[in-house]
Amino acid sequence: MRPLENFPFAVSIADAAKITGLSESTIRKSFMTPGRRPPGLPNPPPHIRPTPGRILVLTAPLPAWVAGLGQGSATPVSKRRGARTKVERLRGAIDAQRVVTDSVGGDA
């Protein structure tokens, strides 16, 4: 294990929250996988993992990361897999019926 004194340029998530003025939960949520990450959060700030389960946030790029908040995730979120839900099927049927009704109606 490397001692934390070797990382003066990195701080814990709690200290990063104090530096940026954001809540700890916002910074923690940015480490979620892109599919589960709440909208409006970018990729996690530059960080290192000195030991398993420990995350240290790099302090130099923190201002640029905070400026990127609200611009959405940099990685696209893929559509969910599997069959369409009941609501999706009904919306598709309603949209298809509108197209047929509009094309048959003409200039009434």
N, C-alpha and C. Protein backbone atom coordinates (compact mmCIF):
# COMPACT_ATOMS: atom_id res chain seq x y z
N MET A 1 0.83 -1.18 0.00
CA MET A 1 0.00 0.00 0.00
C MET A 1 0.87 1.25 0.00
N ARG A 2 0.52 2.18 -0.86
CA ARG A 2 1.27 3.42 -0.93
C ARG A 2 0.71 4.41 0.08
N PRO A 3 1.57 5.07 0.83
CA PRO A 3 1.06 6.05 1.80
C PRO A 3 0.43 7.24 1.09
N LEU A 4 -0.58 7.83 1.71
CA LEU A 4 -1.30 8.94 1.09
C LEU A 4 -0.46 10.20 0.97
N GLU A 5 0.66 10.27 1.69
CA GLU A 5 1.52 11.44 1.58
C GLU A 5 2.13 11.54 0.19
N ASN A 6 2.13 10.44 -0.56
CA ASN A 6 2.67 10.47 -1.92
C ASN A 6 1.72 11.15 -2.89
N PHE A 7 0.52 11.51 -2.44
CA PHE A 7 -0.47 12.11 -3.32
C PHE A 7 -0.91 13.49 -2.80
N PRO A 8 -0.02 14.47 -2.75
CA PRO A 8 -0.44 15.78 -2.24
C PRO A 8 -1.39 16.48 -3.20
N PHE A 9 -1.43 16.05 -4.45
CA PHE A 9 -2.27 16.66 -5.46
C PHE A 9 -3.65 16.02 -5.52
N ALA A 10 -3.93 15.06 -4.65
CA ALA A 10 -5.20 14.35 -4.64
C ALA A 10 -5.84 14.45 -3.26
N VAL A 11 -7.17 14.56 -3.26
CA VAL A 11 -7.90 14.68 -2.00
C VAL A 11 -9.05 13.68 -1.99
N SER A 12 -9.61 13.45 -0.82
CA SER A 12 -10.75 12.53 -0.70
C SER A 12 -11.99 13.19 -1.29
N ILE A 13 -13.05 12.41 -1.45
CA ILE A 13 -14.29 12.94 -2.00
C ILE A 13 -14.87 14.01 -1.07
N ALA A 14 -14.75 13.81 0.24
CA ALA A 14 -15.25 14.81 1.20
C ALA A 14 -14.50 16.13 1.05
N ASP A 15 -13.17 16.07 0.90
CA ASP A 15 -12.40 17.29 0.72
C ASP A 15 -12.67 17.93 -0.64
N ALA A 16 -12.88 17.11 -1.67
CA ALA A 16 -13.21 17.65 -3.00
C ALA A 16 -14.55 18.38 -2.94
N ALA A 17 -15.48 17.87 -2.13
CA ALA A 17 -16.77 18.54 -1.98
C ALA A 17 -16.61 19.90 -1.31
N LYS A 18 -15.73 19.99 -0.33
CA LYS A 18 -15.48 21.27 0.33
C LYS A 18 -14.82 22.26 -0.63
N ILE A 19 -13.90 21.78 -1.46
CA ILE A 19 -13.19 22.65 -2.40
C ILE A 19 -14.14 23.20 -3.45
N THR A 20 -14.98 22.33 -4.00
CA THR A 20 -15.86 22.73 -5.11
C THR A 20 -17.16 23.37 -4.66
N GLY A 21 -17.57 23.11 -3.42
CA GLY A 21 -18.85 23.63 -2.95
C GLY A 21 -20.02 22.73 -3.33
N LEU A 22 -19.75 21.59 -3.92
CA LEU A 22 -20.79 20.62 -4.27
C LEU A 22 -20.98 19.64 -3.12
N SER A 23 -22.09 18.93 -3.15
CA SER A 23 -22.31 17.93 -2.11
C SER A 23 -21.49 16.68 -2.41
N GLU A 24 -21.20 15.93 -1.37
CA GLU A 24 -20.45 14.69 -1.56
C GLU A 24 -21.22 13.72 -2.44
N SER A 25 -22.53 13.71 -2.30
CA SER A 25 -23.33 12.76 -3.08
C SER A 25 -23.25 13.06 -4.57
N THR A 26 -23.16 14.34 -4.95
CA THR A 26 -23.04 14.68 -6.37
C THR A 26 -21.74 14.12 -6.94
N ILE A 27 -20.66 14.28 -6.21
CA ILE A 27 -19.38 13.76 -6.68
C ILE A 27 -19.41 12.24 -6.69
N ARG A 28 -19.99 11.64 -5.66
CA ARG A 28 -20.07 10.18 -5.60
C ARG A 28 -20.92 9.63 -6.74
N LYS A 29 -22.03 10.29 -7.07
CA LYS A 29 -22.92 9.83 -8.14
C LYS A 29 -22.25 9.91 -9.50
N SER A 30 -21.28 10.78 -9.66
CA SER A 30 -20.61 10.88 -10.96
C SER A 30 -19.80 9.63 -11.26
N PHE A 31 -19.50 8.82 -10.24
CA PHE A 31 -18.75 7.58 -10.45
C PHE A 31 -19.65 6.41 -10.83
N MET A 32 -20.97 6.63 -10.94
CA MET A 32 -21.88 5.57 -11.36
C MET A 32 -21.66 5.24 -12.83
N THR A 33 -22.09 4.05 -13.23
CA THR A 33 -21.98 3.70 -14.65
C THR A 33 -22.89 4.63 -15.46
N PRO A 34 -22.54 4.91 -16.72
CA PRO A 34 -23.30 5.88 -17.51
C PRO A 34 -24.79 5.59 -17.60
N GLY A 35 -25.18 4.33 -17.64
CA GLY A 35 -26.59 4.01 -17.73
C GLY A 35 -27.38 4.32 -16.47
N ARG A 36 -26.73 4.35 -15.34
CA ARG A 36 -27.40 4.59 -14.05
C ARG A 36 -27.17 6.00 -13.53
N ARG A 37 -26.23 6.73 -14.13
CA ARG A 37 -25.88 8.07 -13.66
C ARG A 37 -27.05 9.02 -13.92
N PRO A 38 -27.40 9.88 -12.95
CA PRO A 38 -28.48 10.85 -13.16
C PRO A 38 -28.14 11.81 -14.30
N PRO A 39 -29.16 12.28 -15.03
CA PRO A 39 -28.88 13.21 -16.13
C PRO A 39 -28.26 14.50 -15.60
N GLY A 40 -27.40 15.10 -16.37
CA GLY A 40 -26.77 16.36 -15.98
C GLY A 40 -25.43 16.20 -15.28
N LEU A 41 -25.00 14.98 -15.03
CA LEU A 41 -23.70 14.77 -14.40
C LEU A 41 -22.70 14.28 -15.45
N PRO A 42 -21.55 14.91 -15.51
CA PRO A 42 -20.55 14.45 -16.46
C PRO A 42 -19.84 13.20 -15.95
N ASN A 43 -18.88 12.75 -16.71
CA ASN A 43 -18.05 11.63 -16.26
C ASN A 43 -17.37 12.03 -14.95
N PRO A 44 -16.88 11.08 -14.18
CA PRO A 44 -16.27 11.42 -12.89
C PRO A 44 -15.05 12.32 -13.07
N PRO A 45 -14.73 13.09 -12.04
CA PRO A 45 -13.54 13.93 -12.14
C PRO A 45 -12.29 13.06 -12.23
N PRO A 46 -11.22 13.59 -12.78
CA PRO A 46 -9.97 12.80 -12.84
C PRO A 46 -9.59 12.35 -11.43
N HIS A 47 -9.26 11.09 -11.32
CA HIS A 47 -9.02 10.51 -10.00
C HIS A 47 -8.01 9.37 -10.10
N ILE A 48 -7.59 8.91 -8.93
CA ILE A 48 -6.73 7.74 -8.83
C ILE A 48 -7.33 6.82 -7.77
N ARG A 49 -6.99 5.56 -7.87
CA ARG A 49 -7.44 4.57 -6.89
C ARG A 49 -6.20 3.93 -6.27
N PRO A 50 -5.70 4.50 -5.18
CA PRO A 50 -4.47 3.96 -4.57
C PRO A 50 -4.66 2.58 -3.97
N THR A 51 -5.83 2.31 -3.44
CA THR A 51 -6.15 1.00 -2.87
C THR A 51 -7.56 0.63 -3.29
N PRO A 52 -7.92 -0.62 -3.28
CA PRO A 52 -9.29 -1.00 -3.62
C PRO A 52 -10.30 -0.35 -2.68
N GLY A 53 -11.32 0.24 -3.25
CA GLY A 53 -12.35 0.89 -2.46
C GLY A 53 -12.06 2.31 -2.06
N ARG A 54 -10.90 2.83 -2.38
CA ARG A 54 -10.53 4.20 -2.02
C ARG A 54 -10.35 5.01 -3.29
N ILE A 55 -10.99 6.17 -3.37
CA ILE A 55 -10.89 7.04 -4.53
C ILE A 55 -10.34 8.38 -4.07
N LEU A 56 -9.32 8.86 -4.76
CA LEU A 56 -8.78 10.19 -4.49
C LEU A 56 -8.97 11.04 -5.75
N VAL A 57 -9.55 12.21 -5.58
CA VAL A 57 -9.84 13.11 -6.70
C VAL A 57 -8.65 14.03 -6.89
N LEU A 58 -8.21 14.19 -8.15
CA LEU A 58 -7.10 15.09 -8.45
C LEU A 58 -7.58 16.53 -8.34
N THR A 59 -6.80 17.40 -7.71
CA THR A 59 -7.25 18.76 -7.43
C THR A 59 -7.08 19.71 -8.61
N ALA A 60 -6.07 19.54 -9.43
CA ALA A 60 -5.80 20.49 -10.52
C ALA A 60 -6.96 20.59 -11.53
N PRO A 61 -7.53 19.47 -12.01
CA PRO A 61 -8.60 19.59 -13.00
C PRO A 61 -10.01 19.76 -12.42
N LEU A 62 -10.14 19.94 -11.10
CA LEU A 62 -11.46 20.09 -10.50
C LEU A 62 -12.25 21.29 -11.03
N PRO A 63 -11.65 22.47 -11.20
CA PRO A 63 -12.44 23.61 -11.71
C PRO A 63 -13.05 23.35 -13.09
N ALA A 64 -12.31 22.70 -13.97
CA ALA A 64 -12.84 22.40 -15.31
C ALA A 64 -13.97 21.38 -15.20
N TRP A 65 -13.86 20.43 -14.28
CA TRP A 65 -14.91 19.44 -14.12
C TRP A 65 -16.19 20.09 -13.60
N VAL A 66 -16.06 21.01 -12.64
CA VAL A 66 -17.22 21.70 -12.09
C VAL A 66 -17.88 22.55 -13.18
N ALA A 67 -17.08 23.16 -14.05
CA ALA A 67 -17.63 23.97 -15.14
C ALA A 67 -18.43 23.11 -16.11
N GLY A 68 -18.09 21.82 -16.21
CA GLY A 68 -18.80 20.92 -17.11
C GLY A 68 -20.10 20.37 -16.55
N LEU A 69 -20.42 20.68 -15.31
CA LEU A 69 -21.68 20.20 -14.73
C LEU A 69 -22.86 20.83 -15.45
N GLY A 70 -23.89 20.07 -15.67
CA GLY A 70 -25.06 20.57 -16.35
C GLY A 70 -25.01 20.43 -17.86
N GLN A 71 -23.88 20.02 -18.40
CA GLN A 71 -23.76 19.84 -19.84
C GLN A 71 -24.07 18.41 -20.24
N GLY A 72 -24.43 17.56 -19.30
CA GLY A 72 -24.78 16.19 -19.60
C GLY A 72 -23.58 15.28 -19.60
N SER A 73 -23.84 14.02 -19.72
CA SER A 73 -22.79 13.01 -19.70
C SER A 73 -22.05 13.00 -21.02
N ALA A 74 -20.75 12.81 -20.97
CA ALA A 74 -19.94 12.78 -22.19
C ALA A 74 -20.13 11.47 -22.94
N THR A 75 -20.54 10.43 -22.26
CA THR A 75 -20.77 9.15 -22.93
C THR A 75 -22.25 8.97 -23.16
N PRO A 76 -22.65 8.58 -24.37
CA PRO A 76 -24.08 8.41 -24.63
C PRO A 76 -24.65 7.24 -23.84
N VAL A 77 -25.86 7.39 -23.40
CA VAL A 77 -26.53 6.33 -22.67
C VAL A 77 -27.25 5.45 -23.68
N SER A 78 -26.95 4.17 -23.67
CA SER A 78 -27.57 3.28 -24.63
C SER A 78 -29.01 3.01 -24.23
N LYS A 79 -29.83 2.69 -25.24
CA LYS A 79 -31.22 2.37 -24.95
C LYS A 79 -31.27 1.06 -24.18
N ARG A 80 -32.32 0.90 -23.43
CA ARG A 80 -32.41 -0.31 -22.64
C ARG A 80 -32.69 -1.49 -23.55
N ARG A 81 -32.26 -2.63 -23.13
CA ARG A 81 -32.40 -3.84 -23.91
C ARG A 81 -33.69 -4.55 -23.56
N GLY A 82 -34.11 -5.46 -24.43
CA GLY A 82 -35.29 -6.26 -24.13
C GLY A 82 -36.50 -5.80 -24.92
N ALA A 83 -37.61 -6.42 -24.62
CA ALA A 83 -38.86 -6.11 -25.31
C ALA A 83 -39.37 -4.73 -24.92
N ARG A 84 -40.16 -4.15 -25.81
CA ARG A 84 -40.75 -2.85 -25.51
C ARG A 84 -41.76 -3.00 -24.38
N THR A 85 -41.92 -1.95 -23.62
CA THR A 85 -42.89 -1.99 -22.54
C THR A 85 -44.29 -1.78 -23.10
N LYS A 86 -45.29 -2.00 -22.29
CA LYS A 86 -46.69 -1.84 -22.70
C LYS A 86 -46.94 -0.41 -23.17
N VAL A 87 -46.42 0.56 -22.45
CA VAL A 87 -46.62 1.96 -22.81
C VAL A 87 -45.98 2.26 -24.17
N GLU A 88 -44.77 1.75 -24.40
CA GLU A 88 -44.11 1.97 -25.68
C GLU A 88 -44.91 1.34 -26.82
N ARG A 89 -45.47 0.15 -26.61
CA ARG A 89 -46.28 -0.50 -27.65
C ARG A 89 -47.55 0.30 -27.93
N LEU A 90 -48.21 0.79 -26.87
CA LEU A 90 -49.43 1.57 -27.07
C LEU A 90 -49.15 2.88 -27.79
N ARG A 91 -48.08 3.55 -27.41
CA ARG A 91 -47.73 4.81 -28.09
C ARG A 91 -47.44 4.57 -29.56
N GLY A 92 -46.75 3.47 -29.87
CA GLY A 92 -46.47 3.15 -31.27
C GLY A 92 -47.75 2.89 -32.04
N ALA A 93 -48.72 2.19 -31.44
CA ALA A 93 -50.00 1.90 -32.10
C ALA A 93 -50.80 3.18 -32.31
N ILE A 94 -50.80 4.07 -31.33
CA ILE A 94 -51.53 5.34 -31.45
C ILE A 94 -50.91 6.19 -32.54
N ASP A 95 -49.58 6.28 -32.59
CA ASP A 95 -48.91 7.06 -33.62
C ASP A 95 -49.20 6.49 -35.00
N ALA A 96 -49.20 5.17 -35.13
CA ALA A 96 -49.49 4.53 -36.42
C ALA A 96 -50.92 4.82 -36.85
N GLN A 97 -51.85 4.83 -35.91
CA GLN A 97 -53.24 5.10 -36.24
C GLN A 97 -53.41 6.55 -36.68
N ARG A 98 -52.69 7.47 -36.06
CA ARG A 98 -52.75 8.88 -36.46
C ARG A 98 -52.28 9.06 -37.90
N VAL A 99 -51.23 8.36 -38.29
CA VAL A 99 -50.70 8.46 -39.63
C VAL A 99 -51.73 7.98 -40.63
N VAL A 100 -52.39 6.85 -40.33
CA VAL A 100 -53.40 6.31 -41.23
C VAL A 100 -54.59 7.25 -41.31
N THR A 101 -55.06 7.78 -40.20
CA THR A 101 -56.21 8.68 -40.17
C THR A 101 -55.89 9.98 -40.92
N ASP A 102 -54.69 10.52 -40.74
CA ASP A 102 -54.31 11.76 -41.41
C ASP A 102 -54.21 11.55 -42.93
N SER A 103 -53.71 10.41 -43.36
CA SER A 103 -53.54 10.18 -44.79
C SER A 103 -54.87 9.88 -45.48
N VAL A 104 -55.85 9.30 -44.78
CA VAL A 104 -57.15 8.97 -45.35
C VAL A 104 -58.05 10.19 -45.37
N GLY A 105 -57.94 11.05 -44.36
CA GLY A 105 -58.83 12.19 -44.21
C GLY A 105 -58.75 13.19 -45.36
N GLY A 106 -57.59 13.45 -45.88
CA GLY A 106 -57.43 14.40 -46.98
C GLY A 106 -57.72 15.83 -46.54
N ASP A 107 -58.30 16.62 -47.48
CA ASP A 107 -58.63 18.04 -47.20
C ASP A 107 -60.08 18.17 -46.77
N ALA A 108 -60.42 17.76 -45.62
CA ALA A 108 -61.82 17.79 -45.18
C ALA A 108 -62.28 19.14 -44.84
